[in-house]
Structure formats: C-alpha cells, structure tokens
Amino acid sequence: MAQYHTEAVFRAHLEKYGCAVEFGTELVGLKQSDDYVEATIKKRVGDKEELETQSFRWVIGADGGRSTSRAGLPRGRCS
C-alpha cells in the first residue's frame, strides 16, 4: 500500500475521534510517567519557532524505529 494511502486512512480515523495531524511540528522531547506522557513540541508559526509542552494519556510513535518518540521512552515501555 502506498504511503499517501496509509496516511489518508490514518487521518480519516483520527478525524472520527476529533483529532488531526499537525504539520510543521516536531517532537523534541518526551517524558513518561505512570499516568501520562509529557511531550515537548517545536512548532513553526510563520517565520518563528515556538516550543510547547503538553501532557497526554498516550503518544503514538509512528515516526520510525530510530525516532524521537521511541528514544524518549524507557526500555521496555514501547513496542
């Protein structure tokens, strides 16, 4: 299956739950506790970059095997 098709299916499912993919963003830090995951995100707003930290119940690391999301988790906490 082509990458663009997989992304379209993924986005359609996210929209069903009120979620959307944000472009121009980059995960730069990740800290996991027992109850939540704290993510630091770099966003491009016009000509400027802004850092934003948010807490989530979970994070999906769909950015590859050597990704920031996987590198930020303790061993044994991701699959």
Protein backbone atom coordinates (compact mmCIF):
# COMPACT_ATOMS: atom_id res chain seq x y z
CA MET A 1 0.00 0.00 0.00
CA ALA A 2 1.36 3.43 -0.93
CA GLN A 3 2.43 5.77 1.91
CA TYR A 4 -0.05 8.50 0.87
CA HIS A 5 -2.91 5.99 1.08
CA THR A 6 -1.85 4.80 4.53
CA GLU A 7 -1.64 8.42 5.74
CA ALA A 8 -5.11 9.20 4.35
CA VAL A 9 -6.61 6.20 6.17
CA PHE A 10 -4.83 7.19 9.39
CA ARG A 11 -6.07 10.81 9.16
CA ALA A 12 -9.65 9.69 8.44
CA HIS A 13 -9.66 7.52 11.58
CA LEU A 14 -8.21 10.33 13.70
CA GLU A 15 -10.91 12.73 12.49
CA LYS A 16 -13.59 10.34 13.76
CA TYR A 17 -12.26 10.99 17.26
CA GLY A 18 -11.84 14.75 16.89
CA CYS A 19 -8.07 14.55 16.31
CA ALA A 20 -5.99 15.92 13.46
CA VAL A 21 -2.43 15.64 12.18
CA GLU A 22 -0.47 18.86 12.66
CA PHE A 23 2.14 19.70 10.04
CA GLY A 24 5.10 21.99 10.73
CA THR A 25 5.63 20.33 14.12
CA GLU A 26 8.44 18.25 15.57
CA LEU A 27 8.62 16.20 18.76
CA VAL A 28 11.79 17.31 20.55
CA GLY A 29 11.30 15.77 23.99
CA LEU A 30 9.29 13.07 25.69
CA LYS A 31 8.96 12.16 29.35
CA GLN A 32 6.74 9.32 30.54
CA SER A 33 5.25 8.82 33.99
CA ASP A 34 2.88 6.13 35.20
CA ASP A 35 -0.20 8.27 34.41
CA TYR A 36 0.73 10.46 31.45
CA VAL A 37 3.27 11.34 28.79
CA GLU A 38 4.69 14.88 28.64
CA ALA A 39 5.66 15.91 25.11
CA THR A 40 7.71 18.95 24.12
CA ILE A 41 6.82 20.01 20.60
CA LYS A 42 8.52 22.54 18.33
CA LYS A 43 6.03 24.35 16.09
CA ARG A 44 6.66 26.66 13.19
CA VAL A 45 4.36 29.69 13.36
CA GLY A 46 5.01 31.94 10.38
CA ASP A 47 8.74 32.68 10.41
CA LYS A 48 9.19 31.74 14.08
CA GLU A 49 9.58 28.51 16.01
CA GLU A 50 7.78 28.02 19.31
CA LEU A 51 8.20 25.31 21.95
CA GLU A 52 5.09 23.89 23.55
CA THR A 53 4.79 21.27 26.30
CA GLN A 54 1.61 19.24 26.71
CA SER A 55 0.55 16.17 28.67
CA PHE A 56 -1.25 13.23 27.07
CA ARG A 57 -2.59 9.88 28.23
CA TRP A 58 -0.63 8.24 25.41
CA VAL A 59 1.52 9.04 22.38
CA ILE A 60 1.70 7.12 19.11
CA GLY A 61 5.26 6.87 17.78
CA ALA A 62 4.72 6.48 14.04
CA ASP A 63 7.92 8.18 13.00
CA GLY A 64 10.24 5.23 12.54
CA GLY A 65 12.35 2.85 14.57
CA ARG A 66 15.03 5.40 15.47
CA SER A 67 12.55 8.16 16.21
CA THR A 68 12.46 10.78 18.94
CA SER A 69 9.32 9.19 20.37
CA ARG A 70 10.96 5.78 20.79
CA ALA A 71 14.26 7.22 22.00
CA GLY A 72 12.40 9.18 24.70
CA LEU A 73 10.84 6.13 26.33
CA PRO A 74 12.48 3.88 28.90
CA ARG A 75 13.42 0.46 27.52
CA GLY A 76 10.56 -1.98 27.64
CA ARG A 77 7.86 0.71 27.55
CA CYS A 78 7.23 0.73 23.78
CA SER A 79 6.60 -1.83 21.12
